């Protein structure tokens, strides 16, 4: 289940190892307490509809790129710093990736989570 950035028909895979945080407990924990994640990794937070989605970095030990999507369209993409960053946007899906994985991803681009 890769995550593909597809700006104007030029596809590139930004993550090939993907986990889904579907339960409230999985979504609450996110990537907290992990020591690291692989370079080609994404944690996907799927939601039932578009709403304001907050991501905090408390107990996250490394920087993350976070992408907020609504119907596969990027609403916001940010690099969050460990322990002290917070980000939010309206989205139906949120992606957490290693810092740098979302370089070049901009608001309005298409990002698809296959599978």
PDB file of N, CA and C in Angstrom:
ATOM      1  N   UNK A   1       0.839  -1.168   0.000  1.00  0.00           N
ATOM      2  CA  UNK A   1       0.000   0.000   0.000  1.00  0.00           C
ATOM      3  C   UNK A   1       0.896   1.247   0.000  1.00  0.00           C
ATOM      4  N   UNK A   2       1.374   1.692  -1.135  1.00  0.00           N
ATOM      5  CA  UNK A   2       2.240   2.869  -1.163  1.00  0.00           C
ATOM      6  C   UNK A   2       1.464   4.180  -1.028  1.00  0.00           C
ATOM      7  N   UNK A   3       2.206   5.207  -0.659  1.00  0.00           N
ATOM      8  CA  UNK A   3       1.685   6.574  -0.654  1.00  0.00           C
ATOM      9  C   UNK A   3       2.359   7.276  -1.822  1.00  0.00           C
ATOM     10  N   UNK A   4       1.545   7.827  -2.732  1.00  0.00           N
ATOM     11  CA  UNK A   4       2.063   8.401  -3.969  1.00  0.00           C
ATOM     12  C   UNK A   4       1.703   9.876  -4.057  1.00  0.00           C
ATOM     13  N   UNK A   5       2.711  10.708  -4.297  1.00  0.00           N
ATOM     14  CA  UNK A   5       2.532  12.144  -4.554  1.00  0.00           C
ATOM     15  C   UNK A   5       2.417  12.287  -6.061  1.00  0.00           C
ATOM     16  N   UNK A   6       1.333  12.897  -6.522  1.00  0.00           N
ATOM     17  CA  UNK A   6       1.058  12.957  -7.960  1.00  0.00           C
ATOM     18  C   UNK A   6       0.755  14.382  -8.406  1.00  0.00           C
ATOM     19  N   UNK A   7       1.765  15.273  -8.382  1.00  0.00           N
ATOM     20  CA  UNK A   7       1.510  16.634  -8.863  1.00  0.00           C
ATOM     21  C   UNK A   7       1.511  16.674 -10.386  1.00  0.00           C
ATOM     22  N   UNK A   8       0.404  17.042 -10.950  1.00  0.00           N
ATOM     23  CA  UNK A   8       0.289  17.223 -12.406  1.00  0.00           C
ATOM     24  C   UNK A   8       0.743  16.002 -13.187  1.00  0.00           C
ATOM     25  N   UNK A   9       0.381  14.803 -12.708  1.00  0.00           N
ATOM     26  CA  UNK A   9       0.651  13.575 -13.445  1.00  0.00           C
ATOM     27  C   UNK A   9       2.065  13.040 -13.344  1.00  0.00           C
ATOM     28  N   UNK A  10       2.904  13.615 -12.496  1.00  0.00           N
ATOM     29  CA  UNK A  10       4.282  13.126 -12.309  1.00  0.00           C
ATOM     30  C   UNK A  10       4.353  12.386 -10.979  1.00  0.00           C
ATOM     31  N   UNK A  11       4.011  11.123 -10.990  1.00  0.00           N
ATOM     32  CA  UNK A  11       3.917  10.340  -9.754  1.00  0.00           C
ATOM     33  C   UNK A  11       5.280  10.028  -9.166  1.00  0.00           C
ATOM     34  N   UNK A  12       5.344  10.082  -7.816  1.00  0.00           N
ATOM     35  CA  UNK A  12       6.522   9.594  -7.098  1.00  0.00           C
ATOM     36  C   UNK A  12       6.039   8.994  -5.786  1.00  0.00           C
ATOM     37  N   UNK A  13       6.594   7.858  -5.444  1.00  0.00           N
ATOM     38  CA  UNK A  13       6.256   7.179  -4.199  1.00  0.00           C
ATOM     39  C   UNK A  13       6.992   7.861  -3.057  1.00  0.00           C
ATOM     40  N   UNK A  14       6.243   8.297  -2.033  1.00  0.00           N
ATOM     41  CA  UNK A  14       6.881   8.930  -0.877  1.00  0.00           C
ATOM     42  C   UNK A  14       6.930   7.989   0.326  1.00  0.00           C
ATOM     43  N   UNK A  15       6.219   6.867   0.256  1.00  0.00           N
ATOM     44  CA  UNK A  15       6.300   5.843   1.306  1.00  0.00           C
ATOM     45  C   UNK A  15       5.835   4.515   0.724  1.00  0.00           C
ATOM     46  N   UNK A  16       6.609   3.471   0.978  1.00  0.00           N
ATOM     47  CA  UNK A  16       6.203   2.152   0.510  1.00  0.00           C
ATOM     48  C   UNK A  16       5.834   1.213   1.658  1.00  0.00           C
ATOM     49  N   UNK A  17       6.258   1.544   2.869  1.00  0.00           N
ATOM     50  CA  UNK A  17       5.863   0.807   4.067  1.00  0.00           C
ATOM     51  C   UNK A  17       4.839   1.654   4.805  1.00  0.00           C
ATOM     52  N   UNK A  18       3.604   1.174   4.858  1.00  0.00           N
ATOM     53  CA  UNK A  18       2.509   1.993   5.382  1.00  0.00           C
ATOM     54  C   UNK A  18       1.730   1.220   6.442  1.00  0.00           C
ATOM     55  N   UNK A  19       1.517   1.875   7.579  1.00  0.00           N
ATOM     56  CA  UNK A  19       0.630   1.362   8.615  1.00  0.00           C
ATOM     57  C   UNK A  19      -0.562   2.296   8.726  1.00  0.00           C
ATOM     58  N   UNK A  20      -1.682   1.748   9.199  1.00  0.00           N
ATOM     59  CA  UNK A  20      -2.890   2.547   9.378  1.00  0.00           C
ATOM     60  C   UNK A  20      -3.240   2.614  10.864  1.00  0.00           C
ATOM     61  N   UNK A  21      -3.513   3.806  11.347  1.00  0.00           N
ATOM     62  CA  UNK A  21      -3.984   4.019  12.718  1.00  0.00           C
ATOM     63  C   UNK A  21      -5.494   4.226  12.630  1.00  0.00           C
ATOM     64  N   UNK A  22      -6.244   3.148  12.825  1.00  0.00           N
ATOM     65  CA  UNK A  22      -7.687   3.213  12.599  1.00  0.00           C
ATOM     66  C   UNK A  22      -8.497   3.328  13.883  1.00  0.00           C
ATOM     67  N   UNK A  23      -8.018   2.753  14.981  1.00  0.00           N
ATOM     68  CA  UNK A  23      -8.775   2.828  16.226  1.00  0.00           C
ATOM     69  C   UNK A  23      -8.408   4.107  16.976  1.00  0.00           C
ATOM     70  N   UNK A  24      -9.243   4.482  17.925  1.00  0.00           N
ATOM     71  CA  UNK A  24      -8.980   5.679  18.717  1.00  0.00           C
ATOM     72  C   UNK A  24      -7.653   5.549  19.475  1.00  0.00           C
ATOM     73  N   UNK A  25      -7.377   4.357  19.977  1.00  0.00           N
ATOM     74  CA  UNK A  25      -6.117   4.143  20.704  1.00  0.00           C
ATOM     75  C   UNK A  25      -4.923   4.279  19.763  1.00  0.00           C
ATOM     76  N   UNK A  26      -4.989   3.666  18.583  1.00  0.00           N
ATOM     77  CA  UNK A  26      -3.900   3.783  17.608  1.00  0.00           C
ATOM     78  C   UNK A  26      -3.696   5.233  17.177  1.00  0.00           C
ATOM     79  N   UNK A  27      -4.787   5.955  16.970  1.00  0.00           N
ATOM     80  CA  UNK A  27      -4.685   7.354  16.555  1.00  0.00           C
ATOM     81  C   UNK A  27      -4.153   8.227  17.681  1.00  0.00           C
ATOM     82  N   UNK A  28      -4.530   7.924  18.914  1.00  0.00           N
ATOM     83  CA  UNK A  28      -4.039   8.711  20.052  1.00  0.00           C
ATOM     84  C   UNK A  28      -2.540   8.507  20.256  1.00  0.00           C
ATOM     85  N   UNK A  29      -2.071   7.297  20.043  1.00  0.00           N
ATOM     86  CA  UNK A  29      -0.654   6.999  20.243  1.00  0.00           C
ATOM     87  C   UNK A  29       0.198   7.485  19.083  1.00  0.00           C
ATOM     88  N   UNK A  30      -0.272   7.314  17.855  1.00  0.00           N
ATOM     89  CA  UNK A  30       0.506   7.747  16.698  1.00  0.00           C
ATOM     90  C   UNK A  30       1.910   7.182  16.727  1.00  0.00           C
ATOM     91  N   UNK A  31       2.908   8.042  16.607  1.00  0.00           N
ATOM     92  CA  UNK A  31       4.304   7.619  16.610  1.00  0.00           C
ATOM     93  C   UNK A  31       5.013   7.933  17.928  1.00  0.00           C
ATOM     94  N   UNK A  32       4.235   8.222  18.972  1.00  0.00           N
ATOM     95  CA  UNK A  32       4.834   8.497  20.274  1.00  0.00           C
ATOM     96  C   UNK A  32       5.627   7.285  20.757  1.00  0.00           C
ATOM     97  N   UNK A  33       6.713   7.566  21.454  1.00  0.00           N
ATOM     98  CA  UNK A  33       7.549   6.577  22.132  1.00  0.00           C
ATOM     99  C   UNK A  33       8.433   5.741  21.208  1.00  0.00           C
ATOM    100  N   UNK A  34       8.299   5.866  19.911  1.00  0.00           N
ATOM    101  CA  UNK A  34       9.191   5.124  19.014  1.00  0.00           C
ATOM    102  C   UNK A  34      10.541   5.826  18.960  1.00  0.00           C
ATOM    103  N   UNK A  35      11.579   5.048  18.748  1.00  0.00           N
ATOM    104  CA  UNK A  35      12.933   5.621  18.652  1.00  0.00           C
ATOM    105  C   UNK A  35      13.212   6.151  17.251  1.00  0.00           C
ATOM    106  N   UNK A  36      12.610   5.529  16.234  1.00  0.00           N
ATOM    107  CA  UNK A  36      12.817   5.948  14.850  1.00  0.00           C
ATOM    108  C   UNK A  36      11.775   5.265  13.967  1.00  0.00           C
ATOM    109  N   UNK A  37      11.756   5.668  12.708  1.00  0.00           N
ATOM    110  CA  UNK A  37      10.932   5.001  11.699  1.00  0.00           C
ATOM    111  C   UNK A  37      11.765   4.899  10.419  1.00  0.00           C
ATOM    112  N   UNK A  38      11.468   3.918   9.559  1.00  0.00           N
ATOM    113  CA  UNK A  38      12.219   3.786   8.311  1.00  0.00           C
ATOM    114  C   UNK A  38      11.998   4.992   7.387  1.00  0.00           C
ATOM    115  N   UNK A  39      12.937   5.223   6.493  1.00  0.00           N
ATOM    116  CA  UNK A  39      12.848   6.360   5.569  1.00  0.00           C
ATOM    117  C   UNK A  39      11.654   6.276   4.631  1.00  0.00           C
ATOM    118  N   UNK A  40      11.196   5.073   4.303  1.00  0.00           N
ATOM    119  CA  UNK A  40      10.088   4.913   3.356  1.00  0.00           C
ATOM    120  C   UNK A  40       8.768   4.611   4.058  1.00  0.00           C
ATOM    121  N   UNK A  41       8.596   5.092   5.292  1.00  0.00           N
ATOM    122  CA  UNK A  41       7.458   4.747   6.154  1.00  0.00           C
ATOM    123  C   UNK A  41       6.420   5.873   6.191  1.00  0.00           C
ATOM    124  N   UNK A  42       5.153   5.469   6.322  1.00  0.00           N
ATOM    125  CA  UNK A  42       4.067   6.418   6.584  1.00  0.00           C
ATOM    126  C   UNK A  42       3.084   5.791   7.556  1.00  0.00           C
ATOM    127  N   UNK A  43       2.583   6.605   8.468  1.00  0.00           N
ATOM    128  CA  UNK A  43       1.470   6.211   9.319  1.00  0.00           C
ATOM    129  C   UNK A  43       0.269   7.009   8.845  1.00  0.00           C
ATOM    130  N   UNK A  44      -0.790   6.298   8.452  1.00  0.00           N
ATOM    131  CA  UNK A  44      -1.984   6.914   7.881  1.00  0.00           C
ATOM    132  C   UNK A  44      -3.085   6.926   8.930  1.00  0.00           C
ATOM    133  N   UNK A  45      -3.692   8.102   9.132  1.00  0.00           N
ATOM    134  CA  UNK A  45      -4.829   8.274  10.028  1.00  0.00           C
ATOM    135  C   UNK A  45      -6.071   8.530   9.168  1.00  0.00           C
ATOM    136  N   UNK A  46      -6.892   7.513   8.903  1.00  0.00           N
ATOM    137  CA  UNK A  46      -8.117   7.728   8.140  1.00  0.00           C
ATOM    138  C   UNK A  46      -9.266   8.145   9.062  1.00  0.00           C
ATOM    139  N   UNK A  47     -10.066   9.084   8.620  1.00  0.00           N
ATOM    140  CA  UNK A  47     -11.226   9.542   9.388  1.00  0.00           C
ATOM    141  C   UNK A  47     -12.481   9.411   8.524  1.00  0.00           C
ATOM    142  N   UNK A  48     -13.641   9.416   9.170  1.00  0.00           N
ATOM    143  CA  UNK A  48     -14.904   9.219   8.456  1.00  0.00           C
ATOM    144  C   UNK A  48     -15.317  10.408   7.602  1.00  0.00           C
ATOM    145  N   UNK A  49     -14.842  11.582   7.914  1.00  0.00           N
ATOM    146  CA  UNK A  49     -15.196  12.763   7.133  1.00  0.00           C
ATOM    147  C   UNK A  49     -14.192  13.871   7.375  1.00  0.00           C
ATOM    148  N   UNK A  50     -14.376  14.950   6.668  1.00  0.00           N
ATOM    149  CA  UNK A  50     -13.479  16.102   6.812  1.00  0.00           C
ATOM    150  C   UNK A  50     -13.801  16.829   8.108  1.00  0.00           C
ATOM    151  N   UNK A  51     -12.787  17.098   8.885  1.00  0.00           N
ATOM    152  CA  UNK A  51     -12.912  17.847  10.132  1.00  0.00           C
ATOM    153  C   UNK A  51     -11.552  18.398  10.507  1.00  0.00           C
ATOM    154  N   UNK A  52     -11.510  19.222  11.530  1.00  0.00           N
ATOM    155  CA  UNK A  52     -10.233  19.773  11.990  1.00  0.00           C
ATOM    156  C   UNK A  52      -9.456  18.661  12.694  1.00  0.00           C
ATOM    157  N   UNK A  53      -8.266  18.374  12.193  1.00  0.00           N
ATOM    158  CA  UNK A  53      -7.431  17.286  12.700  1.00  0.00           C
ATOM    159  C   UNK A  53      -6.135  17.855  13.273  1.00  0.00           C
ATOM    160  N   UNK A  54      -5.916  17.621  14.566  1.00  0.00           N
ATOM    161  CA  UNK A  54      -4.744  18.120  15.279  1.00  0.00           C
ATOM    162  C   UNK A  54      -3.687  17.019  15.372  1.00  0.00           C
ATOM    163  N   UNK A  55      -2.435  17.404  15.223  1.00  0.00           N
ATOM    164  CA  UNK A  55      -1.305  16.510  15.450  1.00  0.00           C
ATOM    165  C   UNK A  55      -0.380  17.212  16.441  1.00  0.00           C
ATOM    166  N   UNK A  56      -0.008  16.497  17.502  1.00  0.00           N
ATOM    167  CA  UNK A  56       0.962  17.043  18.457  1.00  0.00           C
ATOM    168  C   UNK A  56       2.208  16.170  18.424  1.00  0.00           C
ATOM    169  N   UNK A  57       3.303  16.719  18.887  1.00  0.00           N
ATOM    170  CA  UNK A  57       4.578  16.012  18.856  1.00  0.00           C
ATOM    171  C   UNK A  57       5.076  15.633  20.260  1.00  0.00           C
ATOM    172  N   UNK A  58       4.205  15.702  21.243  1.00  0.00           N
ATOM    173  CA  UNK A  58       4.574  15.305  22.596  1.00  0.00           C
ATOM    174  C   UNK A  58       4.960  13.824  22.597  1.00  0.00           C
ATOM    175  N   UNK A  59       6.121  13.490  23.149  1.00  0.00           N
ATOM    176  CA  UNK A  59       6.666  12.135  23.222  1.00  0.00           C
ATOM    177  C   UNK A  59       7.079  11.565  21.864  1.00  0.00           C
ATOM    178  N   UNK A  60       7.176  12.411  20.841  1.00  0.00           N
ATOM    179  CA  UNK A  60       7.731  11.986  19.551  1.00  0.00           C
ATOM    180  C   UNK A  60       9.176  12.472  19.522  1.00  0.00           C
ATOM    181  N   UNK A  61      10.111  11.558  19.293  1.00  0.00           N
ATOM    182  CA  UNK A  61      11.537  11.838  19.473  1.00  0.00           C
ATOM    183  C   UNK A  61      12.252  12.343  18.224  1.00  0.00           C
ATOM    184  N   UNK A  62      11.576  12.455  17.100  1.00  0.00           N
ATOM    185  CA  UNK A  62      12.226  12.824  15.844  1.00  0.00           C
ATOM    186  C   UNK A  62      11.267  13.698  15.040  1.00  0.00           C
ATOM    187  N   UNK A  63      11.785  14.543  14.151  1.00  0.00           N
ATOM    188  CA  UNK A  63      10.909  15.399  13.354  1.00  0.00           C
ATOM    189  C   UNK A  63      10.095  14.571  12.362  1.00  0.00           C
ATOM    190  N   UNK A  64       8.918  15.071  12.047  1.00  0.00           N
ATOM    191  CA  UNK A  64       8.021  14.414  11.092  1.00  0.00           C
ATOM    192  C   UNK A  64       7.531  15.401  10.047  1.00  0.00           C
ATOM    193  N   UNK A  65       7.308  14.900   8.839  1.00  0.00           N
ATOM    194  CA  UNK A  65       6.512  15.621   7.854  1.00  0.00           C
ATOM    195  C   UNK A  65       5.077  15.132   8.030  1.00  0.00           C
ATOM    196  N   UNK A  66       4.162  16.063   8.115  1.00  0.00           N
ATOM    197  CA  UNK A  66       2.752  15.722   8.273  1.00  0.00           C
ATOM    198  C   UNK A  66       1.983  16.324   7.102  1.00  0.00           C
ATOM    199  N   UNK A  67       1.124  15.506   6.498  1.00  0.00           N
ATOM    200  CA  UNK A  67       0.295  15.941   5.369  1.00  0.00           C
ATOM    201  C   UNK A  67      -1.161  15.731   5.742  1.00  0.00           C
ATOM    202  N   UNK A  68      -1.958  16.797   5.609  1.00  0.00           N
ATOM    203  CA  UNK A  68      -3.397  16.727   5.833  1.00  0.00           C
ATOM    204  C   UNK A  68      -4.071  16.685   4.472  1.00  0.00           C
ATOM    205  N   UNK A  69      -4.937  15.681   4.261  1.00  0.00           N
ATOM    206  CA  UNK A  69      -5.619  15.497   2.976  1.00  0.00           C
ATOM    207  C   UNK A  69      -7.131  15.587   3.142  1.00  0.00           C
ATOM    208  N   UNK A  70      -7.787  16.137   2.141  1.00  0.00           N
ATOM    209  CA  UNK A  70      -9.245  16.064   2.021  1.00  0.00           C
ATOM    210  C   UNK A  70      -9.522  15.585   0.603  1.00  0.00           C
ATOM    211  N   UNK A  71     -10.108  14.399   0.474  1.00  0.00           N
ATOM    212  CA  UNK A  71     -10.353  13.786  -0.835  1.00  0.00           C
ATOM    213  C   UNK A  71      -9.093  13.738  -1.680  1.00  0.00           C
ATOM    214  N   UNK A  72      -7.976  13.315  -1.072  1.00  0.00           N
ATOM    215  CA  UNK A  72      -6.677  13.131  -1.711  1.00  0.00           C
ATOM    216  C   UNK A  72      -6.008  14.439  -2.146  1.00  0.00           C
ATOM    217  N   UNK A  73      -6.569  15.574  -1.756  1.00  0.00           N
ATOM    218  CA  UNK A  73      -5.974  16.871  -2.062  1.00  0.00           C
ATOM    219  C   UNK A  73      -5.298  17.416  -0.815  1.00  0.00           C
ATOM    220  N   UNK A  74      -4.050  17.837  -0.956  1.00  0.00           N
ATOM    221  CA  UNK A  74      -3.273  18.338   0.178  1.00  0.00           C
ATOM    222  C   UNK A  74      -3.859  19.666   0.660  1.00  0.00           C
ATOM    223  N   UNK A  75      -4.233  19.684   1.938  1.00  0.00           N
ATOM    224  CA  UNK A  75      -4.734  20.898   2.572  1.00  0.00           C
ATOM    225  C   UNK A  75      -3.604  21.653   3.263  1.00  0.00           C
ATOM    226  N   UNK A  76      -2.609  20.873   3.757  1.00  0.00           N
ATOM    227  CA  UNK A  76      -1.457  21.452   4.429  1.00  0.00           C
ATOM    228  C   UNK A  76      -0.365  20.385   4.486  1.00  0.00           C
ATOM    229  N   UNK A  77       0.885  20.810   4.383  1.00  0.00           N
ATOM    230  CA  UNK A  77       2.036  19.930   4.582  1.00  0.00           C
ATOM    231  C   UNK A  77       3.044  20.707   5.425  1.00  0.00           C
ATOM    232  N   UNK A  78       3.479  20.118   6.531  1.00  0.00           N
ATOM    233  CA  UNK A  78       4.382  20.807   7.457  1.00  0.00           C
ATOM    234  C   UNK A  78       5.392  19.828   8.033  1.00  0.00           C
ATOM    235  N   UNK A  79       6.557  20.347   8.371  1.00  0.00           N
ATOM    236  CA  UNK A  79       7.530  19.590   9.145  1.00  0.00           C
ATOM    237  C   UNK A  79       7.369  20.016  10.597  1.00  0.00           C
ATOM    238  N   UNK A  80       7.108  19.047  11.460  1.00  0.00           N
ATOM    239  CA  UNK A  80       6.908  19.321  12.883  1.00  0.00           C
ATOM    240  C   UNK A  80       8.125  18.848  13.664  1.00  0.00           C
ATOM    241  N   UNK A  81       8.534  19.649  14.629  1.00  0.00           N
ATOM    242  CA  UNK A  81       9.706  19.350  15.448  1.00  0.00           C
ATOM    243  C   UNK A  81       9.327  18.455  16.630  1.00  0.00           C
ATOM    244  N   UNK A  82      10.274  17.613  17.054  1.00  0.00           N
ATOM    245  CA  UNK A  82       9.971  16.719  18.183  1.00  0.00           C
ATOM    246  C   UNK A  82       9.660  17.479  19.461  1.00  0.00           C
ATOM    247  N   UNK A  83       8.739  16.923  20.226  1.00  0.00           N
ATOM    248  CA  UNK A  83       8.358  17.354  21.565  1.00  0.00           C
ATOM    249  C   UNK A  83       7.568  18.651  21.642  1.00  0.00           C
ATOM    250  N   UNK A  84       7.661  19.565  20.679  1.00  0.00           N
ATOM    251  CA  UNK A  84       7.053  20.870  20.927  1.00  0.00           C
ATOM    252  C   UNK A  84       6.170  21.419  19.816  1.00  0.00           C
ATOM    253  N   UNK A  85       6.047  20.732  18.717  1.00  0.00           N
ATOM    254  CA  UNK A  85       5.237  21.268  17.622  1.00  0.00           C
ATOM    255  C   UNK A  85       3.796  20.774  17.701  1.00  0.00           C
ATOM    256  N   UNK A  86       2.922  21.576  17.123  1.00  0.00           N
ATOM    257  CA  UNK A  86       1.507  21.234  16.965  1.00  0.00           C
ATOM    258  C   UNK A  86       1.102  21.722  15.580  1.00  0.00           C
ATOM    259  N   UNK A  87       0.273  20.945  14.908  1.00  0.00           N
ATOM    260  CA  UNK A  87      -0.238  21.362  13.613  1.00  0.00           C
ATOM    261  C   UNK A  87      -1.674  20.914  13.455  1.00  0.00           C
ATOM    262  N   UNK A  88      -2.410  21.627  12.615  1.00  0.00           N
ATOM    263  CA  UNK A  88      -3.789  21.219  12.358  1.00  0.00           C
ATOM    264  C   UNK A  88      -4.251  21.764  11.021  1.00  0.00           C
ATOM    265  N   UNK A  89      -5.242  21.101  10.467  1.00  0.00           N
ATOM    266  CA  UNK A  89      -5.913  21.528   9.240  1.00  0.00           C
ATOM    267  C   UNK A  89      -7.179  20.683   9.113  1.00  0.00           C
ATOM    268  N   UNK A  90      -8.074  21.102   8.251  1.00  0.00           N
ATOM    269  CA  UNK A  90      -9.263  20.297   7.962  1.00  0.00           C
ATOM    270  C   UNK A  90      -8.857  19.178   7.009  1.00  0.00           C
ATOM    271  N   UNK A  91      -9.225  17.943   7.375  1.00  0.00           N
ATOM    272  CA  UNK A  91      -8.797  16.786   6.591  1.00  0.00           C
ATOM    273  C   UNK A  91      -9.669  15.577   6.880  1.00  0.00           C
ATOM    274  N   UNK A  92      -9.660  14.623   5.942  1.00  0.00           N
ATOM    275  CA  UNK A  92     -10.264  13.319   6.192  1.00  0.00           C
ATOM    276  C   UNK A  92      -9.197  12.228   6.319  1.00  0.00           C
ATOM    277  N   UNK A  93      -7.937  12.593   6.031  1.00  0.00           N
ATOM    278  CA  UNK A  93      -6.798  11.694   6.182  1.00  0.00           C
ATOM    279  C   UNK A  93      -5.583  12.519   6.586  1.00  0.00           C
ATOM    280  N   UNK A  94      -4.806  11.989   7.524  1.00  0.00           N
ATOM    281  CA  UNK A  94      -3.553  12.636   7.922  1.00  0.00           C
ATOM    282  C   UNK A  94      -2.442  11.603   7.761  1.00  0.00           C
ATOM    283  N   UNK A  95      -1.312  12.039   7.228  1.00  0.00           N
ATOM    284  CA  UNK A  95      -0.145  11.183   7.040  1.00  0.00           C
ATOM    285  C   UNK A  95       1.007  11.699   7.882  1.00  0.00           C
ATOM    286  N   UNK A  96       1.683  10.806   8.588  1.00  0.00           N
ATOM    287  CA  UNK A  96       2.921  11.136   9.291  1.00  0.00           C
ATOM    288  C   UNK A  96       4.048  10.385   8.600  1.00  0.00           C
ATOM    289  N   UNK A  97       5.099  11.132   8.224  1.00  0.00           N
ATOM    290  CA  UNK A  97       6.230  10.589   7.472  1.00  0.00           C
ATOM    291  C   UNK A  97       7.527  11.087   8.080  1.00  0.00           C
ATOM    292  N   UNK A  98       8.658  10.426   7.779  1.00  0.00           N
ATOM    293  CA  UNK A  98       9.932  10.953   8.248  1.00  0.00           C
ATOM    294  C   UNK A  98      10.174  12.353   7.672  1.00  0.00           C
ATOM    295  N   UNK A  99      10.837  13.196   8.440  1.00  0.00           N
ATOM    296  CA  UNK A  99      11.151  14.545   7.955  1.00  0.00           C
ATOM    297  C   UNK A  99      11.906  14.452   6.634  1.00  0.00           C
ATOM    298  N   UNK A 100      11.476  15.252   5.677  1.00  0.00           N
ATOM    299  CA  UNK A 100      12.088  15.276   4.352  1.00  0.00           C
ATOM    300  C   UNK A 100      11.341  14.458   3.323  1.00  0.00           C
ATOM    301  N   UNK A 101      10.520  13.510   3.759  1.00  0.00           N
ATOM    302  CA  UNK A 101       9.794  12.659   2.816  1.00  0.00           C
ATOM    303  C   UNK A 101       8.773  13.434   1.999  1.00  0.00           C
ATOM    304  N   UNK A 102       8.253  14.507   2.559  1.00  0.00           N
ATOM    305  CA  UNK A 102       7.227  15.283   1.872  1.00  0.00           C
ATOM    306  C   UNK A 102       7.800  16.531   1.200  1.00  0.00           C
ATOM    307  N   UNK A 103       9.118  16.577   1.026  1.00  0.00           N
ATOM    308  CA  UNK A 103       9.704  17.718   0.307  1.00  0.00           C
ATOM    309  C   UNK A 103       9.058  17.832  -1.064  1.00  0.00           C
ATOM    310  N   UNK A 104       8.620  19.007  -1.415  1.00  0.00           N
ATOM    311  CA  UNK A 104       7.976  19.242  -2.704  1.00  0.00           C
ATOM    312  C   UNK A 104       6.474  19.054  -2.694  1.00  0.00           C
ATOM    313  N   UNK A 105       5.907  18.542  -1.613  1.00  0.00           N
ATOM    314  CA  UNK A 105       4.454  18.394  -1.509  1.00  0.00           C
ATOM    315  C   UNK A 105       3.875  19.736  -1.076  1.00  0.00           C
ATOM    316  N   UNK A 106       2.931  20.239  -1.855  1.00  0.00           N
ATOM    317  CA  UNK A 106       2.370  21.560  -1.592  1.00  0.00           C
ATOM    318  C   UNK A 106       0.847  21.507  -1.544  1.00  0.00           C
ATOM    319  N   UNK A 107       0.268  22.507  -0.896  1.00  0.00           N
ATOM    320  CA  UNK A 107      -1.181  22.628  -0.840  1.00  0.00           C
ATOM    321  C   UNK A 107      -1.749  22.587  -2.268  1.00  0.00           C
ATOM    322  N   UNK A 108      -2.792  21.775  -2.442  1.00  0.00           N
ATOM    323  CA  UNK A 108      -3.426  21.626  -3.744  1.00  0.00           C
ATOM    324  C   UNK A 108      -2.947  20.428  -4.530  1.00  0.00           C
ATOM    325  N   UNK A 109      -1.788  19.858  -4.162  1.00  0.00           N
ATOM    326  CA  UNK A 109      -1.287  18.651  -4.829  1.00  0.00           C
ATOM    327  C   UNK A 109      -2.180  17.459  -4.491  1.00  0.00           C
ATOM    328  N   UNK A 110      -2.010  16.398  -5.250  1.00  0.00           N
ATOM    329  CA  UNK A 110      -2.711  15.138  -4.993  1.00  0.00           C
ATOM    330  C   UNK A 110      -1.751  14.153  -4.347  1.00  0.00           C
ATOM    331  N   UNK A 111      -2.185  13.534  -3.259  1.00  0.00           N
ATOM    332  CA  UNK A 111      -1.455  12.451  -2.615  1.00  0.00           C
ATOM    333  C   UNK A 111      -2.438  11.301  -2.422  1.00  0.00           C
ATOM    334  N   UNK A 112      -2.072  10.128  -2.920  1.00  0.00           N
ATOM    335  CA  UNK A 112      -2.955   8.971  -2.904  1.00  0.00           C
ATOM    336  C   UNK A 112      -2.363   7.889  -2.014  1.00  0.00           C
ATOM    337  N   UNK A 113      -3.196   7.351  -1.128  1.00  0.00           N
ATOM    338  CA  UNK A 113      -2.832   6.188  -0.328  1.00  0.00           C
ATOM    339  C   UNK A 113      -3.502   4.990  -0.986  1.00  0.00           C
ATOM    340  N   UNK A 114      -2.717   4.157  -1.650  1.00  0.00           N
ATOM    341  CA  UNK A 114      -3.272   2.985  -2.342  1.00  0.00           C
ATOM    342  C   UNK A 114      -3.620   1.907  -1.322  1.00  0.00           C
ATOM    343  N   UNK A 115      -4.764   1.289  -1.539  1.00  0.00           N
ATOM    344  CA  UNK A 115      -5.140   0.160  -0.685  1.00  0.00           C
ATOM    345  C   UNK A 115      -6.105   0.489   0.387  1.00  0.00           C
TER     346      UNK A 115
END
